[in-house]
Amino acid sequence: MTLDRREIVSLDLHADLHTAWAHLRQPELVRQWFGWDYDGLDAEIRDYFIAQPVVGQSYEGDNLSHTLTTPSHDVIAVTAASHDPGHTHLTITRRSHDGLATYDGVYDPIDEGWIQFAHQLQFLLRAHPGQERRTLSVFGLDAGDRSDRLLDRAGLHGVRGIPVGGHVQARRPDGTLLGGTLVYKAEHQFGIQLHGITESFLVIAEVPVASHPPHGTVGAVLSTYGIDDATFAEVEERWSGWWARSQPHGTAVGA
């Protein structure tokens, strides 16, 4: 039986087709947007993008598409038209959930990962092409109950009500302000371009209560570019303090 495919994410990239495709095939470029820094990242990139995927190419009218099919049958496609060579469209599709015992009916972590990573690629090509990335991340934080939500304590209450492209201002628990622009929002995550010493990209991901009772969890990934070691150390210290002070009462910071 052939399962229907689902479109997970579809967005425009500020790059020509050659550049976009290179960011799916060259490990040093994939590393600047895919996932986050951890010990197994290089091996994951090698498996998903270099060693095991099936690559393809097709034409439709004046559109040329390159496709990469991962070992798990996820398809990443980049397409550009000959009349608009400076822009490329990215789509990621996956198999239907029908018959998949691993899907709980509410939350698919692989879907959520591709949504996040596609927007991280879009941000890289628009704001920091050619620059190396360093990330900070935190996962599995207790989201808190309705009266003591982690994101409220972190100063991010009300973000869901801001339109894409709108200004975000958060007051962290230490009293410092964080300013940025809401780049995207999906059902279980949102991304903010932060304005500061350098433009960085913050993704907040929420696992719902139904998938992780009793409160659900929150994770966050910050992608930084073009800052020196001393500045990165300052950002890291502030990052750790932000999430430690934002935890609902009686919980501890996740790894």
Protein backbone atom coordinates (compact mmCIF):
# COMPACT_ATOMS: atom_id res chain seq x y z
CA MET A 1 0.00 0.00 0.00
CA THR A 2 1.30 3.47 -0.90
CA LEU A 3 0.77 5.94 1.90
CA ASP A 4 -0.23 9.51 1.11
CA ARG A 5 2.39 12.18 1.67
CA ARG A 6 1.99 15.21 3.92
CA GLU A 7 3.53 18.62 3.37
CA ILE A 8 5.27 19.52 6.62
CA VAL A 9 6.72 22.91 5.73
CA SER A 10 6.89 25.14 2.65
CA LEU A 11 8.82 28.41 2.53
CA ASP A 12 10.98 30.67 0.37
CA LEU A 13 14.75 30.88 0.68
CA HIS A 14 16.74 34.00 -0.12
CA ALA A 15 19.28 32.13 -2.23
CA ASP A 16 19.74 30.75 -5.72
CA LEU A 17 19.14 27.06 -6.37
CA HIS A 18 22.84 26.17 -6.42
CA THR A 19 23.39 27.73 -2.99
CA ALA A 20 20.26 26.18 -1.49
CA TRP A 21 21.19 22.72 -2.79
CA ALA A 22 24.73 23.07 -1.45
CA HIS A 23 23.23 23.67 2.00
CA LEU A 24 21.59 20.25 1.76
CA ARG A 25 24.65 18.38 0.48
CA GLN A 26 27.80 19.84 2.01
CA PRO A 27 28.27 18.82 5.66
CA GLU A 28 29.95 22.06 6.71
CA LEU A 29 26.97 24.02 5.34
CA VAL A 30 24.29 21.69 6.72
CA ARG A 31 25.85 22.18 10.14
CA GLN A 32 25.05 25.90 10.04
CA TRP A 33 21.28 25.28 10.19
CA PHE A 34 20.39 21.66 10.94
CA GLY A 35 19.61 20.66 14.53
CA TRP A 36 21.76 22.14 17.28
CA ASP A 37 25.25 21.55 18.63
CA TYR A 38 25.66 18.15 20.30
CA ASP A 39 28.21 15.32 20.11
CA GLY A 40 26.31 13.27 17.52
CA LEU A 41 25.44 16.08 15.10
CA ASP A 42 28.14 15.35 12.51
CA ALA A 43 27.17 11.67 12.34
CA GLU A 44 23.49 12.56 11.97
CA ILE A 45 24.29 14.97 9.14
CA ARG A 46 26.38 12.34 7.40
CA ASP A 47 23.57 9.76 7.58
CA TYR A 48 20.71 12.05 6.60
CA PHE A 49 22.33 14.26 3.97
CA ILE A 50 25.47 12.61 2.61
CA ALA A 51 25.82 8.83 2.92
CA GLN A 52 22.30 7.41 2.74
CA PRO A 53 19.86 9.75 0.97
CA VAL A 54 18.61 9.34 -2.59
CA VAL A 55 18.98 12.46 -4.73
CA GLY A 56 16.88 13.42 -7.73
CA GLN A 57 16.27 16.17 -10.25
CA SER A 58 13.21 17.13 -12.29
CA TYR A 59 11.86 19.86 -14.56
CA GLU A 60 8.34 21.25 -14.74
CA GLY A 61 7.92 24.16 -17.13
CA ASP A 62 10.72 26.58 -16.31
CA ASN A 63 11.08 25.18 -12.77
CA LEU A 64 14.06 23.03 -11.84
CA SER A 65 13.83 20.94 -8.66
CA HIS A 66 16.45 19.03 -6.71
CA THR A 67 15.18 16.46 -4.21
CA LEU A 68 16.80 14.61 -1.36
CA THR A 69 15.03 11.58 0.13
CA THR A 70 16.27 10.59 3.59
CA PRO A 71 16.55 7.00 4.87
CA SER A 72 13.19 7.50 6.63
CA HIS A 73 11.58 8.54 3.30
CA ASP A 74 11.24 12.23 4.15
CA VAL A 75 11.64 14.28 0.96
CA ILE A 76 13.32 17.69 0.93
CA ALA A 77 12.85 19.59 -2.33
CA VAL A 78 14.31 22.90 -3.48
CA THR A 79 12.84 24.50 -6.59
CA ALA A 80 13.68 27.62 -8.58
CA ALA A 81 12.28 29.16 -11.74
CA SER A 82 14.54 30.30 -14.56
CA HIS A 83 12.80 33.70 -14.59
CA ASP A 84 13.57 34.24 -10.86
CA PRO A 85 16.95 32.58 -10.25
CA GLY A 86 17.75 34.46 -7.04
CA HIS A 87 15.00 32.81 -5.02
CA THR A 88 14.37 29.17 -4.17
CA HIS A 89 11.34 27.44 -2.69
CA LEU A 90 11.80 24.71 -0.08
CA THR A 91 9.26 22.00 0.72
CA ILE A 92 9.53 19.03 3.05
CA THR A 93 7.06 16.15 2.81
CA ARG A 94 6.64 12.99 4.86
CA ARG A 95 4.58 9.83 4.77
CA SER A 96 1.03 9.77 6.10
CA HIS A 97 0.53 8.96 9.77
CA ASP A 98 -1.87 6.17 8.80
CA GLY A 99 -0.66 2.87 10.18
CA LEU A 100 2.26 4.37 12.12
CA ALA A 101 2.18 3.02 15.66
CA THR A 102 4.70 5.62 16.85
CA TYR A 103 2.32 8.56 16.30
CA ASP A 104 0.23 9.46 19.36
CA GLY A 105 -2.37 11.40 17.37
CA VAL A 106 -1.28 14.76 18.80
CA TYR A 107 2.42 15.46 18.42
CA ASP A 108 5.01 14.26 15.89
CA PRO A 109 8.55 15.21 16.97
CA ILE A 110 9.98 14.56 13.49
CA ASP A 111 7.46 16.95 11.92
CA GLU A 112 8.34 19.54 14.53
CA GLY A 113 12.05 19.09 13.91
CA TRP A 114 11.72 19.69 10.16
CA ILE A 115 9.59 22.79 10.72
CA GLN A 116 12.23 24.20 13.05
CA PHE A 117 15.20 23.27 10.87
CA ALA A 118 13.63 24.69 7.69
CA HIS A 119 13.17 28.04 9.40
CA GLN A 120 16.72 27.90 10.74
CA LEU A 121 17.94 27.40 7.16
CA GLN A 122 15.79 30.29 5.96
CA PHE A 123 17.22 32.54 8.69
CA LEU A 124 20.81 31.54 7.90
CA LEU A 125 20.49 32.31 4.18
CA ARG A 126 18.72 35.60 4.80
CA ALA A 127 20.68 37.00 7.74
CA HIS A 128 24.06 35.22 7.98
CA PRO A 129 25.03 33.50 4.72
CA GLY A 130 28.50 32.01 4.88
CA GLN A 131 28.88 32.44 8.64
CA GLU A 132 29.51 29.71 11.20
CA ARG A 133 26.88 28.96 13.80
CA ARG A 134 27.09 28.19 17.49
CA THR A 135 24.00 27.16 19.40
CA LEU A 136 22.65 27.04 22.92
CA SER A 137 19.82 24.70 23.77
CA VAL A 138 17.66 23.43 26.60
CA PHE A 139 15.04 20.67 26.47
CA GLY A 140 12.47 18.94 28.62
CA LEU A 141 11.60 21.90 30.84
CA ASP A 142 8.34 21.47 32.74
CA ALA A 143 5.88 23.86 31.09
CA GLY A 144 4.08 24.47 34.39
CA ASP A 145 0.37 24.53 35.09
CA ARG A 146 -2.03 27.25 33.97
CA SER A 147 -1.33 29.40 37.02
CA ASP A 148 2.47 29.17 36.81
CA ARG A 149 3.54 28.76 33.18
CA LEU A 150 7.23 28.62 32.33
CA LEU A 151 6.89 30.85 29.26
CA ASP A 152 5.07 33.47 31.32
CA ARG A 153 7.86 33.45 33.88
CA ALA A 154 10.40 33.69 31.04
CA GLY A 155 8.73 36.89 29.83
CA LEU A 156 7.30 35.32 26.67
CA HIS A 157 3.62 35.54 27.57
CA GLY A 158 1.50 36.95 24.78
CA VAL A 159 3.83 35.93 21.95
CA ARG A 160 1.11 33.74 20.44
CA GLY A 161 -1.07 36.83 20.04
CA ILE A 162 1.56 38.75 18.05
CA PRO A 163 1.25 38.59 14.25
CA VAL A 164 4.13 37.19 12.23
CA GLY A 165 6.44 40.11 11.52
CA GLY A 166 5.38 41.85 14.73
CA HIS A 167 7.70 43.11 17.47
CA VAL A 168 8.39 40.91 20.49
CA GLN A 169 9.64 42.36 23.77
CA ALA A 170 10.29 40.10 26.72
CA ARG A 171 11.41 41.01 30.23
CA ARG A 172 13.49 38.17 31.59
CA PRO A 173 13.41 37.23 35.29
CA ASP A 174 16.61 39.21 35.92
CA GLY A 175 14.89 42.34 34.61
CA THR A 176 16.78 42.58 31.31
CA LEU A 177 14.82 43.15 28.12
CA LEU A 178 14.88 40.97 25.04
CA GLY A 179 13.69 42.40 21.73
CA GLY A 180 13.02 40.78 18.40
CA THR A 181 10.70 40.07 15.50
CA LEU A 182 8.32 37.10 15.33
CA VAL A 183 9.42 35.19 12.23
CA TYR A 184 6.93 32.32 12.30
CA LYS A 185 4.52 30.49 14.55
CA ALA A 186 3.15 26.97 14.22
CA GLU A 187 0.89 24.92 16.47
CA HIS A 188 3.69 23.69 18.73
CA GLN A 189 6.53 26.17 18.17
CA PHE A 190 7.51 29.69 17.20
CA GLY A 191 10.67 31.47 16.06
CA ILE A 192 11.97 34.94 16.95
CA GLN A 193 14.77 36.88 15.29
CA LEU A 194 16.51 38.53 18.22
CA HIS A 195 18.07 41.96 17.83
CA GLY A 196 21.24 42.63 19.76
CA ILE A 197 24.99 42.58 19.25
CA THR A 198 24.25 40.28 16.33
CA GLU A 199 21.03 38.98 14.85
CA SER A 200 20.30 35.55 16.33
CA PHE A 201 17.42 33.11 16.00
CA LEU A 202 15.43 31.69 18.91
CA VAL A 203 13.05 28.75 18.48
CA ILE A 204 10.69 27.83 21.31
CA ALA A 205 9.15 24.35 21.01
CA GLU A 206 6.28 23.11 23.16
CA VAL A 207 5.33 19.46 23.69
CA PRO A 208 1.62 19.39 24.61
CA VAL A 209 0.17 17.98 27.80
CA ALA A 210 -1.45 15.07 25.93
CA SER A 211 1.98 13.86 24.79
CA HIS A 212 3.85 14.62 28.01
CA PRO A 213 1.60 14.86 31.09
CA PRO A 214 1.01 16.46 33.47
CA HIS A 215 2.01 19.88 32.08
CA GLY A 216 3.82 19.35 28.78
CA THR A 217 7.39 20.50 28.22
CA VAL A 218 9.26 23.39 26.65
CA GLY A 219 12.51 23.35 24.69
CA ALA A 220 14.53 26.18 23.20
CA VAL A 221 17.36 26.52 20.67
CA LEU A 222 19.31 29.72 20.10
CA SER A 223 21.38 29.97 16.89
CA THR A 224 24.12 32.61 17.05
CA TYR A 225 26.48 33.79 14.32
CA GLY A 226 29.55 35.98 14.11
CA ILE A 227 30.35 36.48 17.80
CA ASP A 228 33.69 35.89 19.48
CA ASP A 229 34.37 33.48 22.33
CA ALA A 230 34.09 36.09 25.07
CA THR A 231 30.75 37.36 23.80
CA PHE A 232 29.44 33.82 23.36
CA ALA A 233 30.40 33.03 26.97
CA GLU A 234 28.38 36.05 28.12
CA VAL A 235 25.40 34.94 26.03
CA GLU A 236 25.69 31.42 27.44
CA GLU A 237 25.73 32.67 31.04
CA ARG A 238 22.66 34.83 30.45
CA TRP A 239 20.92 31.95 28.64
CA SER A 240 21.46 29.55 31.54
CA GLY A 241 20.24 32.10 34.06
CA TRP A 242 17.17 32.92 31.97
CA TRP A 243 15.84 29.36 31.98
CA ALA A 244 16.94 28.54 35.53
CA ARG A 245 15.04 31.55 36.90
CA SER A 246 12.02 30.87 34.68
CA GLN A 247 11.29 27.40 36.03
CA PRO A 248 7.90 26.97 37.72
CA HIS A 249 8.15 26.41 41.46
CA GLY A 250 9.38 22.96 42.47
CA THR A 251 11.01 22.02 39.15
CA ALA A 252 14.58 21.85 37.88
CA VAL A 253 16.21 22.86 34.62
CA GLY A 254 16.29 20.07 32.02
CA ALA A 255 19.35 18.99 30.09
